[in-house]
């Protein structure tokens, strides 16, 4: 297990939503948290919000789709904090879409950020972790990646890819003595889910989601999924034959 003594925690997508709440929770737990996002003002506000914590939040502005910027950010964090012990890769974008209004620009943005941005961060972290042989990676995907859902063509595809990526990564990380965990949240009240125009079962407050995520990091399980009833319900649905799956999902979402 990595601890704050092994280096800092790096959280991407930390300017709002789950990433912000996770950064604050980790700081309360005593971590030095390097918080990354593109918005510098939001990161400065986050650092101020963590002033009473046992640890601290250090703004580390970075666009994770810029691979050179990611490499420079990681090199700086390793130099300043003795290493990156924990990385919570949370940066992501959700733009609702449908087949009769398919915007390739919006689709590409989600692929670049959600999928390629995350994979680029892992690739940039690996040289450091191969030297130290001590690192803990948590990739935030979504239960939307379990199976196809209406209004989630690009988002669901990127999250499904992240799930597959982490499953494959698990074999290599075990061999290398590193830890990887896959985080699959359900509906969490954030600016992204505020875009939804359909009922969201088991909608969680963002602070509760952050607690579930951080508590899960201390465990040995590969997947951290919450709320459990919703996640396991979707897992069961994906096992159904399509002739049953599509009507049930359609009825639940009004599609």
Foldseek 3Di string as FASTA:
>chain_A
DDDLVQWAEEFEPCLWFLNVLLQLVVQQVQGAYAYEDQDPVSQVVSQVVNPPHNGTYDYQYDQLLPLVSLLVSQVVRCVVIVHHQHYEYEWFAADFDADVGDDVVVLVVRCSTLAVSVVSNVVSRVVVCLVVLGHEYEYEAALLCLDPAHRCPSNNVRSVVVVVVLVVVCVVNVVSNYHYAYEHEAAEDIPRCVPDPFDGPPYHYSNVVSVQVVVCSPDDDRYRYPPPVVSVVSNVLSPDPPVPSVVVSCVRGVD
